[in-house]
Amino acid sequence: MSKDYTIIIVTHNLFQARRISDYTAFILDGELVEYGKTNEVFSNPKDIRTKEYLEGMYC
């Protein structure tokens, strides 16, 4: 029998977050600026701050 669990992990390691997460949230100065399915957030961020952060991390 399998069980579903929700686990919240706080990390600055985006490679790890992308590898293990189904959903990702970006929080900036205490404000939730982006939340969604991990693949969608990383490939098509809606918030410009998330986009700029990801571009800086992956350049």
PDB file of N, CA and C in Angstrom:
ATOM      1  N   MET A   1       0.850  -1.172   0.000  1.00  0.00           N
ATOM      2  CA  MET A   1       0.000   0.000   0.000  1.00  0.00           C
ATOM      3  C   MET A   1       0.900   1.241   0.000  1.00  0.00           C
ATOM      4  N   SER A   2       0.634   2.165  -0.918  1.00  0.00           N
ATOM      5  CA  SER A   2       1.416   3.390  -0.974  1.00  0.00           C
ATOM      6  C   SER A   2       0.648   4.537  -0.331  1.00  0.00           C
ATOM      7  N   LYS A   3       1.407   5.493   0.160  1.00  0.00           N
ATOM      8  CA  LYS A   3       0.822   6.681   0.780  1.00  0.00           C
ATOM      9  C   LYS A   3       1.383   7.910   0.083  1.00  0.00           C
ATOM     10  N   ASP A   4       0.573   8.935   0.003  1.00  0.00           N
ATOM     11  CA  ASP A   4       1.029  10.203  -0.544  1.00  0.00           C
ATOM     12  C   ASP A   4       1.454  11.105   0.607  1.00  0.00           C
ATOM     13  N   TYR A   5       2.575  11.756   0.433  1.00  0.00           N
ATOM     14  CA  TYR A   5       3.085  12.669   1.434  1.00  0.00           C
ATOM     15  C   TYR A   5       3.361  14.020   0.803  1.00  0.00           C
ATOM     16  N   THR A   6       3.217  15.041   1.590  1.00  0.00           N
ATOM     17  CA  THR A   6       3.646  16.373   1.196  1.00  0.00           C
ATOM     18  C   THR A   6       4.818  16.753   2.088  1.00  0.00           C
ATOM     19  N   ILE A   7       5.919  17.113   1.461  1.00  0.00           N
ATOM     20  CA  ILE A   7       7.121  17.515   2.180  1.00  0.00           C
ATOM     21  C   ILE A   7       7.546  18.872   1.642  1.00  0.00           C
ATOM     22  N   ILE A   8       7.826  19.793   2.526  1.00  0.00           N
ATOM     23  CA  ILE A   8       8.313  21.119   2.128  1.00  0.00           C
ATOM     24  C   ILE A   8       9.816  21.161   2.391  1.00  0.00           C
ATOM     25  N   ILE A   9      10.558  21.475   1.349  1.00  0.00           N
ATOM     26  CA  ILE A   9      12.014  21.578   1.440  1.00  0.00           C
ATOM     27  C   ILE A   9      12.395  22.998   1.067  1.00  0.00           C
ATOM     28  N   VAL A  10      13.178  23.623   1.901  1.00  0.00           N
ATOM     29  CA  VAL A  10      13.695  24.962   1.606  1.00  0.00           C
ATOM     30  C   VAL A  10      15.140  24.793   1.159  1.00  0.00           C
ATOM     31  N   THR A  11      15.432  25.257  -0.050  1.00  0.00           N
ATOM     32  CA  THR A  11      16.778  25.089  -0.592  1.00  0.00           C
ATOM     33  C   THR A  11      17.121  26.228  -1.537  1.00  0.00           C
ATOM     34  N   HIS A  12      18.403  26.488  -1.669  1.00  0.00           N
ATOM     35  CA  HIS A  12      18.902  27.397  -2.697  1.00  0.00           C
ATOM     36  C   HIS A  12      19.528  26.599  -3.834  1.00  0.00           C
ATOM     37  N   ASN A  13      19.508  25.283  -3.705  1.00  0.00           N
ATOM     38  CA  ASN A  13      20.066  24.404  -4.718  1.00  0.00           C
ATOM     39  C   ASN A  13      18.981  24.108  -5.760  1.00  0.00           C
ATOM     40  N   LEU A  14      18.966  24.897  -6.807  1.00  0.00           N
ATOM     41  CA  LEU A  14      17.912  24.772  -7.816  1.00  0.00           C
ATOM     42  C   LEU A  14      17.983  23.461  -8.585  1.00  0.00           C
ATOM     43  N   PHE A  15      19.176  22.920  -8.750  1.00  0.00           N
ATOM     44  CA  PHE A  15      19.302  21.647  -9.446  1.00  0.00           C
ATOM     45  C   PHE A  15      18.613  20.540  -8.645  1.00  0.00           C
ATOM     46  N   GLN A  16      18.816  20.544  -7.332  1.00  0.00           N
ATOM     47  CA  GLN A  16      18.155  19.565  -6.476  1.00  0.00           C
ATOM     48  C   GLN A  16      16.643  19.773  -6.477  1.00  0.00           C
ATOM     49  N   ALA A  17      16.216  21.008  -6.354  1.00  0.00           N
ATOM     50  CA  ALA A  17      14.780  21.308  -6.331  1.00  0.00           C
ATOM     51  C   ALA A  17      14.109  20.816  -7.617  1.00  0.00           C
ATOM     52  N   ARG A  18      14.751  21.057  -8.717  1.00  0.00           N
ATOM     53  CA  ARG A  18      14.171  20.639 -10.003  1.00  0.00           C
ATOM     54  C   ARG A  18      14.113  19.119 -10.129  1.00  0.00           C
ATOM     55  N   ARG A  19      15.120  18.457  -9.581  1.00  0.00           N
ATOM     56  CA  ARG A  19      15.214  17.003  -9.697  1.00  0.00           C
ATOM     57  C   ARG A  19      14.189  16.276  -8.831  1.00  0.00           C
ATOM     58  N   ILE A  20      13.888  16.798  -7.630  1.00  0.00           N
ATOM     59  CA  ILE A  20      13.063  16.026  -6.694  1.00  0.00           C
ATOM     60  C   ILE A  20      11.659  16.571  -6.475  1.00  0.00           C
ATOM     61  N   SER A  21      11.359  17.741  -7.007  1.00  0.00           N
ATOM     62  CA  SER A  21      10.080  18.388  -6.680  1.00  0.00           C
ATOM     63  C   SER A  21       9.049  18.248  -7.786  1.00  0.00           C
ATOM     64  N   ASP A  22       7.814  18.038  -7.381  1.00  0.00           N
ATOM     65  CA  ASP A  22       6.691  18.080  -8.320  1.00  0.00           C
ATOM     66  C   ASP A  22       6.200  19.513  -8.492  1.00  0.00           C
ATOM     67  N   TYR A  23       6.260  20.291  -7.413  1.00  0.00           N
ATOM     68  CA  TYR A  23       5.846  21.695  -7.412  1.00  0.00           C
ATOM     69  C   TYR A  23       6.949  22.530  -6.796  1.00  0.00           C
ATOM     70  N   THR A  24       7.079  23.773  -7.275  1.00  0.00           N
ATOM     71  CA  THR A  24       8.113  24.687  -6.792  1.00  0.00           C
ATOM     72  C   THR A  24       7.501  26.040  -6.503  1.00  0.00           C
ATOM     73  N   ALA A  25       7.991  26.657  -5.436  1.00  0.00           N
ATOM     74  CA  ALA A  25       7.583  28.021  -5.084  1.00  0.00           C
ATOM     75  C   ALA A  25       8.837  28.874  -4.960  1.00  0.00           C
ATOM     76  N   PHE A  26       8.755  30.104  -5.448  1.00  0.00           N
ATOM     77  CA  PHE A  26       9.830  31.079  -5.274  1.00  0.00           C
ATOM     78  C   PHE A  26       9.323  32.155  -4.327  1.00  0.00           C
ATOM     79  N   ILE A  27      10.093  32.389  -3.282  1.00  0.00           N
ATOM     80  CA  ILE A  27       9.737  33.391  -2.280  1.00  0.00           C
ATOM     81  C   ILE A  27      10.850  34.434  -2.257  1.00  0.00           C
ATOM     82  N   LEU A  28      10.470  35.686  -2.346  1.00  0.00           N
ATOM     83  CA  LEU A  28      11.413  36.801  -2.339  1.00  0.00           C
ATOM     84  C   LEU A  28      10.995  37.796  -1.283  1.00  0.00           C
ATOM     85  N   ASP A  29      11.858  38.057  -0.335  1.00  0.00           N
ATOM     86  CA  ASP A  29      11.570  39.000   0.748  1.00  0.00           C
ATOM     87  C   ASP A  29      10.237  38.689   1.438  1.00  0.00           C
ATOM     88  N   GLY A  30       9.983  37.403   1.662  1.00  0.00           N
ATOM     89  CA  GLY A  30       8.770  36.986   2.346  1.00  0.00           C
ATOM     90  C   GLY A  30       7.517  36.956   1.486  1.00  0.00           C
ATOM     91  N   GLU A  31       7.634  37.269   0.218  1.00  0.00           N
ATOM     92  CA  GLU A  31       6.482  37.287  -0.689  1.00  0.00           C
ATOM     93  C   GLU A  31       6.565  36.095  -1.643  1.00  0.00           C
ATOM     94  N   LEU A  32       5.473  35.370  -1.763  1.00  0.00           N
ATOM     95  CA  LEU A  32       5.396  34.283  -2.725  1.00  0.00           C
ATOM     96  C   LEU A  32       5.227  34.900  -4.110  1.00  0.00           C
ATOM     97  N   VAL A  33       6.253  34.781  -4.945  1.00  0.00           N
ATOM     98  CA  VAL A  33       6.203  35.430  -6.257  1.00  0.00           C
ATOM     99  C   VAL A  33       5.885  34.452  -7.382  1.00  0.00           C
ATOM    100  N   GLU A  34       6.061  33.151  -7.126  1.00  0.00           N
ATOM    101  CA  GLU A  34       5.803  32.165  -8.176  1.00  0.00           C
ATOM    102  C   GLU A  34       5.527  30.815  -7.529  1.00  0.00           C
ATOM    103  N   TYR A  35       4.535  30.110  -8.046  1.00  0.00           N
ATOM    104  CA  TYR A  35       4.227  28.762  -7.575  1.00  0.00           C
ATOM    105  C   TYR A  35       3.599  27.989  -8.722  1.00  0.00           C
ATOM    106  N   GLY A  36       4.040  26.755  -8.894  1.00  0.00           N
ATOM    107  CA  GLY A  36       3.447  25.926  -9.927  1.00  0.00           C
ATOM    108  C   GLY A  36       4.192  24.623 -10.076  1.00  0.00           C
ATOM    109  N   LYS A  37       3.804  23.856 -11.094  1.00  0.00           N
ATOM    110  CA  LYS A  37       4.509  22.621 -11.389  1.00  0.00           C
ATOM    111  C   LYS A  37       5.959  22.959 -11.715  1.00  0.00           C
ATOM    112  N   THR A  38       6.862  22.183 -11.165  1.00  0.00           N
ATOM    113  CA  THR A  38       8.288  22.487 -11.273  1.00  0.00           C
ATOM    114  C   THR A  38       8.729  22.692 -12.713  1.00  0.00           C
ATOM    115  N   ASN A  39       8.358  21.788 -13.611  1.00  0.00           N
ATOM    116  CA  ASN A  39       8.784  21.934 -15.011  1.00  0.00           C
ATOM    117  C   ASN A  39       8.273  23.225 -15.628  1.00  0.00           C
ATOM    118  N   GLU A  40       7.053  23.613 -15.296  1.00  0.00           N
ATOM    119  CA  GLU A  40       6.490  24.847 -15.847  1.00  0.00           C
ATOM    120  C   GLU A  40       7.182  26.083 -15.276  1.00  0.00           C
ATOM    121  N   VAL A  41       7.434  26.069 -13.977  1.00  0.00           N
ATOM    122  CA  VAL A  41       8.093  27.225 -13.340  1.00  0.00           C
ATOM    123  C   VAL A  41       9.495  27.414 -13.917  1.00  0.00           C
ATOM    124  N   PHE A  42      10.234  26.318 -14.083  1.00  0.00           N
ATOM    125  CA  PHE A  42      11.602  26.435 -14.581  1.00  0.00           C
ATOM    126  C   PHE A  42      11.657  26.736 -16.078  1.00  0.00           C
ATOM    127  N   SER A  43      10.713  26.240 -16.846  1.00  0.00           N
ATOM    128  CA  SER A  43      10.773  26.447 -18.292  1.00  0.00           C
ATOM    129  C   SER A  43      10.020  27.686 -18.758  1.00  0.00           C
ATOM    130  N   ASN A  44       9.031  28.132 -17.989  1.00  0.00           N
ATOM    131  CA  ASN A  44       8.234  29.287 -18.401  1.00  0.00           C
ATOM    132  C   ASN A  44       7.752  30.072 -17.178  1.00  0.00           C
ATOM    133  N   PRO A  45       8.685  30.712 -16.452  1.00  0.00           N
ATOM    134  CA  PRO A  45       8.270  31.459 -15.263  1.00  0.00           C
ATOM    135  C   PRO A  45       7.368  32.632 -15.635  1.00  0.00           C
ATOM    136  N   LYS A  46       6.368  32.884 -14.798  1.00  0.00           N
ATOM    137  CA  LYS A  46       5.415  33.966 -15.051  1.00  0.00           C
ATOM    138  C   LYS A  46       5.907  35.310 -14.502  1.00  0.00           C
ATOM    139  N   ASP A  47       6.645  35.267 -13.403  1.00  0.00           N
ATOM    140  CA  ASP A  47       7.114  36.492 -12.760  1.00  0.00           C
ATOM    141  C   ASP A  47       8.508  36.842 -13.278  1.00  0.00           C
ATOM    142  N   ILE A  48       8.722  38.075 -13.622  1.00  0.00           N
ATOM    143  CA  ILE A  48      10.005  38.519 -14.186  1.00  0.00           C
ATOM    144  C   ILE A  48      11.162  38.286 -13.202  1.00  0.00           C
ATOM    145  N   ARG A  49      10.883  38.408 -11.908  1.00  0.00           N
ATOM    146  CA  ARG A  49      11.946  38.190 -10.914  1.00  0.00           C
ATOM    147  C   ARG A  49      12.386  36.735 -10.898  1.00  0.00           C
ATOM    148  N   THR A  50      11.454  35.821 -11.048  1.00  0.00           N
ATOM    149  CA  THR A  50      11.806  34.400 -11.126  1.00  0.00           C
ATOM    150  C   THR A  50      12.608  34.140 -12.383  1.00  0.00           C
ATOM    151  N   LYS A  51      12.155  34.685 -13.492  1.00  0.00           N
ATOM    152  CA  LYS A  51      12.850  34.508 -14.775  1.00  0.00           C
ATOM    153  C   LYS A  51      14.286  35.016 -14.684  1.00  0.00           C
ATOM    154  N   GLU A  52      14.482  36.205 -14.143  1.00  0.00           N
ATOM    155  CA  GLU A  52      15.825  36.771 -14.026  1.00  0.00           C
ATOM    156  C   GLU A  52      16.702  35.940 -13.096  1.00  0.00           C
ATOM    157  N   TYR A  53      16.124  35.452 -12.006  1.00  0.00           N
ATOM    158  CA  TYR A  53      16.887  34.619 -11.073  1.00  0.00           C
ATOM    159  C   TYR A  53      17.338  33.331 -11.752  1.00  0.00           C
ATOM    160  N   LEU A  54      16.412  32.672 -12.436  1.00  0.00           N
ATOM    161  CA  LEU A  54      16.751  31.425 -13.110  1.00  0.00           C
ATOM    162  C   LEU A  54      17.769  31.649 -14.214  1.00  0.00           C
ATOM    163  N   GLU A  55      17.648  32.718 -14.957  1.00  0.00           N
ATOM    164  CA  GLU A  55      18.619  32.999 -16.016  1.00  0.00           C
ATOM    165  C   GLU A  55      20.003  33.240 -15.431  1.00  0.00           C
ATOM    166  N   GLY A  56      20.072  33.890 -14.298  1.00  0.00           N
ATOM    167  CA  GLY A  56      21.356  34.120 -13.641  1.00  0.00           C
ATOM    168  C   GLY A  56      21.986  32.840 -13.125  1.00  0.00           C
ATOM    169  N   MET A  57      21.149  31.905 -12.700  1.00  0.00           N
ATOM    170  CA  MET A  57      21.647  30.651 -12.141  1.00  0.00           C
ATOM    171  C   MET A  57      22.105  29.688 -13.231  1.00  0.00           C
ATOM    172  N   TYR A  58      21.517  29.766 -14.417  1.00  0.00           N
ATOM    173  CA  TYR A  58      21.788  28.782 -15.452  1.00  0.00           C
ATOM    174  C   TYR A  58      22.652  29.310 -16.588  1.00  0.00           C
ATOM    175  N   CYS A  59      23.134  30.533 -16.508  1.00  0.00           N
ATOM    176  CA  CYS A  59      23.970  31.087 -17.583  1.00  0.00           C
ATOM    177  C   CYS A  59      25.364  30.502 -17.546  1.00  0.00           C
TER     178      CYS A  59
END
